[in-house]
C-alpha cells in the first residue's frame, strides 16, 4: 500500500513539472501583448528605428542671446535681430587644418545643410548694408584671416558655391587660443554697438561684427 502511495505521489510531481515547463514556454515574450505582435527586433542602445542619429547635431543661436527664453518670460519683448542655424562637426581626434580644412579652400562653416544666417532687420557689416533676409554662409580660411561670404542660395545642402548669388564678403582676423574646442560653435555675443557672431573650432576664433539698423 505504501509503495502505491509513493508511486502516485511521484507521478503527480512529474505531471506538475511538465505543466510548469509548458506554461513557461508561453511567456509574454512569445505572445502578443495588449493585442500587438511582440515579435519585433530589439532596438539597440543609442539607435533610432525611424532615422539615423547624426553625429553633427543641428544647433541654433539668436541675438539677443537666448531670445526664445526671453520671449517666453515676457510676451512684450521686441522681435529678434538675427539668428544662425548650423550643424556642429567635431574633431574626433583630428586637427582643424590639413585634416579637416585646408587653407585657401572654401568651407561651408558647419556640416550637412548649408549654414544659414537670418537677419530680421537691416544690418551693417564692415560698413556694408545687408538687408533683412535669409543667407547662407561659407568661408575661405587662411592662417591669419578668414573671408566670410554671404550668399542668397538658401535651402541647399553642403557647399554650393554659386558666385552669382554671392551678396557680400568680409575679411576678419583669426585669433588663436591655447585650448582646443571639440565641437564647432557659432553664437552671438553682445558688443558695444551691436553684436559679434563668434565662430570657433579647435584653437581658432573669429568674430564677424554686426551693427543693427
C-alpha atoms as a PDB file:
ATOM      1  CA  UNK A   1       0.000   0.000   0.000  1.00  0.00           C
ATOM      2  CA  UNK A   2       2.833   2.391   0.903  1.00  0.00           C
ATOM      3  CA  UNK A   3       4.540   1.635  -2.404  1.00  0.00           C
ATOM      4  CA  UNK A   4       1.369   2.569  -4.302  1.00  0.00           C
ATOM      5  CA  UNK A   5       1.112   5.889  -2.419  1.00  0.00           C
ATOM      6  CA  UNK A   6       4.778   6.733  -3.152  1.00  0.00           C
ATOM      7  CA  UNK A   7       4.293   5.846  -6.840  1.00  0.00           C
ATOM      8  CA  UNK A   8       1.200   8.027  -7.190  1.00  0.00           C
ATOM      9  CA  UNK A   9       2.946  10.954  -5.432  1.00  0.00           C
ATOM     10  CA  UNK A  10       5.986  10.666  -7.751  1.00  0.00           C
ATOM     11  CA  UNK A  11       3.715  10.535 -10.802  1.00  0.00           C
ATOM     12  CA  UNK A  12       1.899  13.694  -9.712  1.00  0.00           C
ATOM     13  CA  UNK A  13       5.249  15.519  -9.339  1.00  0.00           C
ATOM     14  CA  UNK A  14       6.303  14.532 -12.867  1.00  0.00           C
ATOM     15  CA  UNK A  15       2.996  15.752 -14.362  1.00  0.00           C
ATOM     16  CA  UNK A  16       3.239  19.015 -12.399  1.00  0.00           C
ATOM     17  CA  UNK A  17       6.772  19.719 -13.679  1.00  0.00           C
ATOM     18  CA  UNK A  18       5.723  19.094 -17.286  1.00  0.00           C
ATOM     19  CA  UNK A  19       2.794  21.511 -16.938  1.00  0.00           C
ATOM     20  CA  UNK A  20       5.092  24.160 -15.446  1.00  0.00           C
ATOM     21  CA  UNK A  21       7.544  23.889 -18.357  1.00  0.00           C
ATOM     22  CA  UNK A  22       4.667  24.179 -20.805  1.00  0.00           C
ATOM     23  CA  UNK A  23       3.462  27.374 -19.140  1.00  0.00           C
ATOM     24  CA  UNK A  24       6.970  28.843 -19.202  1.00  0.00           C
ATOM     25  CA  UNK A  25       7.205  28.304 -22.969  1.00  0.00           C
ATOM     26  CA  UNK A  26       4.145  30.581 -23.373  1.00  0.00           C
ATOM     27  CA  UNK A  27       5.564  33.591 -21.553  1.00  0.00           C
ATOM     28  CA  UNK A  28       4.612  37.134 -22.701  1.00  0.00           C
ATOM     29  CA  UNK A  29       7.906  37.382 -24.597  1.00  0.00           C
ATOM     30  CA  UNK A  30       6.486  34.898 -27.119  1.00  0.00           C
ATOM     31  CA  UNK A  31       2.878  36.045 -27.095  1.00  0.00           C
ATOM     32  CA  UNK A  32       1.096  39.201 -28.278  1.00  0.00           C
ATOM     33  CA  UNK A  33       0.957  41.908 -25.605  1.00  0.00           C
ATOM     34  CA  UNK A  34      -2.135  44.147 -25.430  1.00  0.00           C
ATOM     35  CA  UNK A  35      -3.246  42.817 -28.783  1.00  0.00           C
ATOM     36  CA  UNK A  36       0.045  43.724 -30.540  1.00  0.00           C
ATOM     37  CA  UNK A  37       2.602  41.458 -32.163  1.00  0.00           C
ATOM     38  CA  UNK A  38       5.613  41.318 -29.882  1.00  0.00           C
ATOM     39  CA  UNK A  39       7.920  39.654 -32.438  1.00  0.00           C
ATOM     40  CA  UNK A  40       9.785  42.881 -33.322  1.00  0.00           C
ATOM     41  CA  UNK A  41      13.574  43.186 -33.489  1.00  0.00           C
ATOM     42  CA  UNK A  42      15.009  44.819 -30.353  1.00  0.00           C
ATOM     43  CA  UNK A  43      16.146  48.433 -30.544  1.00  0.00           C
ATOM     44  CA  UNK A  44      19.827  48.627 -29.719  1.00  0.00           C
ATOM     45  CA  UNK A  45      21.038  51.186 -27.199  1.00  0.00           C
ATOM     46  CA  UNK A  46      21.597  54.542 -28.904  1.00  0.00           C
ATOM     47  CA  UNK A  47      19.902  53.568 -32.175  1.00  0.00           C
ATOM     48  CA  UNK A  48      16.806  55.079 -33.743  1.00  0.00           C
ATOM     49  CA  UNK A  49      14.422  52.949 -35.792  1.00  0.00           C
ATOM     50  CA  UNK A  50      12.981  55.990 -37.605  1.00  0.00           C
ATOM     51  CA  UNK A  51      16.078  57.934 -38.671  1.00  0.00           C
ATOM     52  CA  UNK A  52      19.815  57.632 -38.146  1.00  0.00           C
ATOM     53  CA  UNK A  53      21.130  59.907 -35.408  1.00  0.00           C
ATOM     54  CA  UNK A  54      23.515  62.455 -36.952  1.00  0.00           C
ATOM     55  CA  UNK A  55      26.996  62.782 -35.462  1.00  0.00           C
ATOM     56  CA  UNK A  56      26.908  66.517 -36.288  1.00  0.00           C
ATOM     57  CA  UNK A  57      23.838  67.813 -34.431  1.00  0.00           C
ATOM     58  CA  UNK A  58      21.993  70.898 -35.657  1.00  0.00           C
ATOM     59  CA  UNK A  59      22.086  73.981 -33.439  1.00  0.00           C
ATOM     60  CA  UNK A  60      20.614  77.476 -33.447  1.00  0.00           C
ATOM     61  CA  UNK A  61      21.780  80.752 -31.914  1.00  0.00           C
ATOM     62  CA  UNK A  62      19.817  84.012 -31.605  1.00  0.00           C
ATOM     63  CA  UNK A  63      20.565  87.634 -30.950  1.00  0.00           C
ATOM     64  CA  UNK A  64      19.515  88.789 -28.441  1.00  0.00           C
ATOM     65  CA  UNK A  65      21.110  85.740 -26.828  1.00  0.00           C
ATOM     66  CA  UNK A  66      18.543  83.123 -25.730  1.00  0.00           C
ATOM     67  CA  UNK A  67      15.767  85.104 -27.414  1.00  0.00           C
ATOM     68  CA  UNK A  68      13.151  82.270 -27.247  1.00  0.00           C
ATOM     69  CA  UNK A  69      13.615  82.046 -23.469  1.00  0.00           C
ATOM     70  CA  UNK A  70      13.334  85.823 -23.126  1.00  0.00           C
ATOM     71  CA  UNK A  71      10.165  85.774 -25.217  1.00  0.00           C
ATOM     72  CA  UNK A  72       8.661  83.012 -23.067  1.00  0.00           C
ATOM     73  CA  UNK A  73       9.196  85.143 -19.965  1.00  0.00           C
ATOM     74  CA  UNK A  74       7.987  88.428 -21.461  1.00  0.00           C
ATOM     75  CA  UNK A  75       5.348  88.487 -24.212  1.00  0.00           C
ATOM     76  CA  UNK A  76       6.063  92.182 -24.968  1.00  0.00           C
ATOM     77  CA  UNK A  77       9.720  91.709 -25.913  1.00  0.00           C
ATOM     78  CA  UNK A  78      10.848  93.206 -29.234  1.00  0.00           C
ATOM     79  CA  UNK A  79      11.406  90.907 -32.245  1.00  0.00           C
ATOM     80  CA  UNK A  80      14.820  89.206 -32.601  1.00  0.00           C
ATOM     81  CA  UNK A  81      17.563  90.832 -34.642  1.00  0.00           C
ATOM     82  CA  UNK A  82      19.466  87.818 -36.001  1.00  0.00           C
ATOM     83  CA  UNK A  83      19.646  84.033 -35.943  1.00  0.00           C
ATOM     84  CA  UNK A  84      22.104  81.445 -37.220  1.00  0.00           C
ATOM     85  CA  UNK A  85      21.309  77.759 -37.894  1.00  0.00           C
ATOM     86  CA  UNK A  86      24.133  75.275 -38.425  1.00  0.00           C
ATOM     87  CA  UNK A  87      25.259  71.699 -37.835  1.00  0.00           C
ATOM     88  CA  UNK A  88      28.174  71.089 -35.468  1.00  0.00           C
ATOM     89  CA  UNK A  89      31.011  68.837 -36.713  1.00  0.00           C
ATOM     90  CA  UNK A  90      33.582  67.752 -34.154  1.00  0.00           C
ATOM     91  CA  UNK A  91      37.261  66.960 -34.297  1.00  0.00           C
ATOM     92  CA  UNK A  92      37.233  63.269 -33.294  1.00  0.00           C
ATOM     93  CA  UNK A  93      40.976  63.339 -32.649  1.00  0.00           C
ATOM     94  CA  UNK A  94      41.810  65.448 -35.702  1.00  0.00           C
ATOM     95  CA  UNK A  95      43.277  68.939 -36.078  1.00  0.00           C
ATOM     96  CA  UNK A  96      41.180  71.564 -37.840  1.00  0.00           C
ATOM     97  CA  UNK A  97      43.689  72.258 -40.604  1.00  0.00           C
ATOM     98  CA  UNK A  98      45.175  69.764 -43.035  1.00  0.00           C
ATOM     99  CA  UNK A  99      42.951  67.026 -41.534  1.00  0.00           C
ATOM    100  CA  UNK A 100      39.538  68.744 -41.786  1.00  0.00           C
ATOM    101  CA  UNK A 101      40.021  72.072 -43.590  1.00  0.00           C
ATOM    102  CA  UNK A 102      42.652  73.443 -45.934  1.00  0.00           C
ATOM    103  CA  UNK A 103      43.926  76.985 -46.280  1.00  0.00           C
ATOM    104  CA  UNK A 104      42.554  78.732 -49.350  1.00  0.00           C
ATOM    105  CA  UNK A 105      39.748  76.215 -49.931  1.00  0.00           C
ATOM    106  CA  UNK A 106      36.099  77.169 -49.285  1.00  0.00           C
ATOM    107  CA  UNK A 107      34.269  75.631 -46.318  1.00  0.00           C
ATOM    108  CA  UNK A 108      30.544  75.594 -45.561  1.00  0.00           C
ATOM    109  CA  UNK A 109      31.104  76.589 -41.911  1.00  0.00           C
ATOM    110  CA  UNK A 110      29.342  73.582 -40.491  1.00  0.00           C
ATOM    111  CA  UNK A 111      28.055  70.209 -41.675  1.00  0.00           C
ATOM    112  CA  UNK A 112      25.073  68.818 -43.580  1.00  0.00           C
ATOM    113  CA  UNK A 113      22.658  71.556 -44.730  1.00  0.00           C
ATOM    114  CA  UNK A 114      24.181  74.899 -45.659  1.00  0.00           C
ATOM    115  CA  UNK A 115      24.760  77.150 -42.647  1.00  0.00           C
ATOM    116  CA  UNK A 116      22.084  79.864 -42.592  1.00  0.00           C
ATOM    117  CA  UNK A 117      22.085  83.409 -41.254  1.00  0.00           C
ATOM    118  CA  UNK A 118      18.744  85.151 -40.887  1.00  0.00           C
ATOM    119  CA  UNK A 119      18.576  88.909 -40.320  1.00  0.00           C
ATOM    120  CA  UNK A 120      15.241  90.158 -39.017  1.00  0.00           C
ATOM    121  CA  UNK A 121      16.281  93.771 -39.641  1.00  0.00           C
ATOM    122  CA  UNK A 122      18.809  95.536 -41.846  1.00  0.00           C
ATOM    123  CA  UNK A 123      22.377  95.373 -40.556  1.00  0.00           C
ATOM    124  CA  UNK A 124      25.745  96.895 -41.304  1.00  0.00           C
ATOM    125  CA  UNK A 125      28.843  94.702 -41.503  1.00  0.00           C
ATOM    126  CA  UNK A 126      32.180  96.435 -42.015  1.00  0.00           C
ATOM    127  CA  UNK A 127      30.361  99.427 -43.488  1.00  0.00           C
ATOM    128  CA  UNK A 128      28.265  97.342 -45.932  1.00  0.00           C
ATOM    129  CA  UNK A 129      24.478  97.396 -45.537  1.00  0.00           C
ATOM    130  CA  UNK A 130      22.924  93.927 -45.587  1.00  0.00           C
ATOM    131  CA  UNK A 131      19.173  93.834 -45.995  1.00  0.00           C
ATOM    132  CA  UNK A 132      16.944  91.764 -43.722  1.00  0.00           C
ATOM    133  CA  UNK A 133      16.516  88.221 -45.056  1.00  0.00           C
ATOM    134  CA  UNK A 134      17.991  84.745 -45.158  1.00  0.00           C
ATOM    135  CA  UNK A 135      21.532  83.992 -46.324  1.00  0.00           C
ATOM    136  CA  UNK A 136      23.844  81.009 -46.436  1.00  0.00           C
ATOM    137  CA  UNK A 137      27.358  81.393 -45.060  1.00  0.00           C
ATOM    138  CA  UNK A 138      30.621  79.969 -46.275  1.00  0.00           C
ATOM    139  CA  UNK A 139      34.227  80.978 -45.763  1.00  0.00           C
ATOM    140  CA  UNK A 140      37.695  80.779 -47.262  1.00  0.00           C
ATOM    141  CA  UNK A 141      40.118  80.277 -44.347  1.00  0.00           C
ATOM    142  CA  UNK A 142      43.717  81.407 -44.290  1.00  0.00           C
ATOM    143  CA  UNK A 143      46.224  81.168 -41.464  1.00  0.00           C
ATOM    144  CA  UNK A 144      45.866  84.778 -40.305  1.00  0.00           C
ATOM    145  CA  UNK A 145      42.439  85.780 -41.661  1.00  0.00           C
ATOM    146  CA  UNK A 146      39.221  84.283 -42.988  1.00  0.00           C
ATOM    147  CA  UNK A 147      36.966  85.600 -45.745  1.00  0.00           C
ATOM    148  CA  UNK A 148      33.288  85.196 -44.831  1.00  0.00           C
ATOM    149  CA  UNK A 149      30.780  85.183 -47.693  1.00  0.00           C
ATOM    150  CA  UNK A 150      27.013  85.772 -47.565  1.00  0.00           C
ATOM    151  CA  UNK A 151      25.133  84.009 -50.358  1.00  0.00           C
ATOM    152  CA  UNK A 152      21.463  84.019 -51.357  1.00  0.00           C
ATOM    153  CA  UNK A 153      21.317  80.315 -52.355  1.00  0.00           C
ATOM    154  CA  UNK A 154      19.282  79.186 -49.346  1.00  0.00           C
ATOM    155  CA  UNK A 155      17.736  75.773 -48.546  1.00  0.00           C
ATOM    156  CA  UNK A 156      20.708  73.938 -50.016  1.00  0.00           C
ATOM    157  CA  UNK A 157      22.889  71.044 -48.904  1.00  0.00           C
ATOM    158  CA  UNK A 158      26.558  71.401 -48.110  1.00  0.00           C
ATOM    159  CA  UNK A 159      28.513  73.981 -50.087  1.00  0.00           C
ATOM    160  CA  UNK A 160      27.105  75.010 -53.456  1.00  0.00           C
ATOM    161  CA  UNK A 161      29.455  77.848 -54.269  1.00  0.00           C
ATOM    162  CA  UNK A 162      27.359  79.810 -56.773  1.00  0.00           C
ATOM    163  CA  UNK A 163      29.323  83.038 -57.073  1.00  0.00           C
ATOM    164  CA  UNK A 164      26.469  84.670 -58.991  1.00  0.00           C
ATOM    165  CA  UNK A 165      24.466  84.533 -55.751  1.00  0.00           C
ATOM    166  CA  UNK A 166      27.193  85.991 -53.508  1.00  0.00           C
ATOM    167  CA  UNK A 167      25.798  89.042 -51.711  1.00  0.00           C
ATOM    168  CA  UNK A 168      28.829  90.328 -49.801  1.00  0.00           C
ATOM    169  CA  UNK A 169      32.169  89.174 -48.384  1.00  0.00           C
ATOM    170  CA  UNK A 170      34.150  90.239 -45.339  1.00  0.00           C
ATOM    171  CA  UNK A 171      37.722  89.590 -44.236  1.00  0.00           C
ATOM    172  CA  UNK A 172      38.237  89.160 -40.495  1.00  0.00           C
ATOM    173  CA  UNK A 173      41.339  88.338 -38.428  1.00  0.00           C
ATOM    174  CA  UNK A 174      41.977  84.982 -36.762  1.00  0.00           C
ATOM    175  CA  UNK A 175      42.601  84.643 -33.054  1.00  0.00           C
ATOM    176  CA  UNK A 176      44.492  81.534 -31.931  1.00  0.00           C
ATOM    177  CA  UNK A 177      43.705  80.138 -28.475  1.00  0.00           C
ATOM    178  CA  UNK A 178      45.712  77.938 -26.135  1.00  0.00           C
ATOM    179  CA  UNK A 179      42.911  75.382 -25.748  1.00  0.00           C
ATOM    180  CA  UNK A 180      41.177  73.157 -28.292  1.00  0.00           C
ATOM    181  CA  UNK A 181      37.391  73.208 -28.786  1.00  0.00           C
ATOM    182  CA  UNK A 182      35.997  69.780 -29.785  1.00  0.00           C
ATOM    183  CA  UNK A 183      32.708  70.944 -31.372  1.00  0.00           C
ATOM    184  CA  UNK A 184      32.468  73.709 -33.945  1.00  0.00           C
ATOM    185  CA  UNK A 185      30.480  76.522 -32.329  1.00  0.00           C
ATOM    186  CA  UNK A 186      28.625  79.614 -33.566  1.00  0.00           C
ATOM    187  CA  UNK A 187      26.952  82.133 -31.255  1.00  0.00           C
ATOM    188  CA  UNK A 188      26.214  85.831 -30.897  1.00  0.00           C
ATOM    189  CA  UNK A 189      27.989  87.983 -28.342  1.00  0.00           C
ATOM    190  CA  UNK A 190      26.666  91.370 -27.298  1.00  0.00           C
ATOM    191  CA  UNK A 191      29.023  94.154 -28.351  1.00  0.00           C
ATOM    192  CA  UNK A 192      29.144  97.854 -27.508  1.00  0.00           C
ATOM    193  CA  UNK A 193      27.277  98.935 -30.651  1.00  0.00           C
ATOM    194  CA  UNK A 194      25.670  95.683 -31.796  1.00  0.00           C
ATOM    195  CA  UNK A 195      26.792  92.078 -31.751  1.00  0.00           C
ATOM    196  CA  UNK A 196      29.603  89.806 -32.870  1.00  0.00           C
ATOM    197  CA  UNK A 197      28.974  86.451 -34.489  1.00  0.00           C
ATOM    198  CA  UNK A 198      31.602  84.220 -32.868  1.00  0.00           C
ATOM    199  CA  UNK A 199      32.808  81.194 -34.832  1.00  0.00           C
ATOM    200  CA  UNK A 200      35.189  78.872 -33.001  1.00  0.00           C
ATOM    201  CA  UNK A 201      36.710  75.438 -33.531  1.00  0.00           C
ATOM    202  CA  UNK A 202      39.855  73.723 -32.315  1.00  0.00           C
ATOM    203  CA  UNK A 203      42.205  76.582 -31.348  1.00  0.00           C
ATOM    204  CA  UNK A 204      40.734  79.155 -33.775  1.00  0.00           C
ATOM    205  CA  UNK A 205      38.290  82.012 -33.091  1.00  0.00           C
ATOM    206  CA  UNK A 206      36.898  84.607 -35.486  1.00  0.00           C
ATOM    207  CA  UNK A 207      34.287  87.317 -34.915  1.00  0.00           C
ATOM    208  CA  UNK A 208      32.059  88.957 -37.512  1.00  0.00           C
ATOM    209  CA  UNK A 209      30.726  92.342 -36.232  1.00  0.00           C
ATOM    210  CA  UNK A 210      27.098  93.434 -36.779  1.00  0.00           C
ATOM    211  CA  UNK A 211      25.521  96.867 -36.345  1.00  0.00           C
ATOM    212  CA  UNK A 212      21.718  96.627 -36.452  1.00  0.00           C
ATOM    213  CA  UNK A 213      19.673  99.403 -38.055  1.00  0.00           C
END
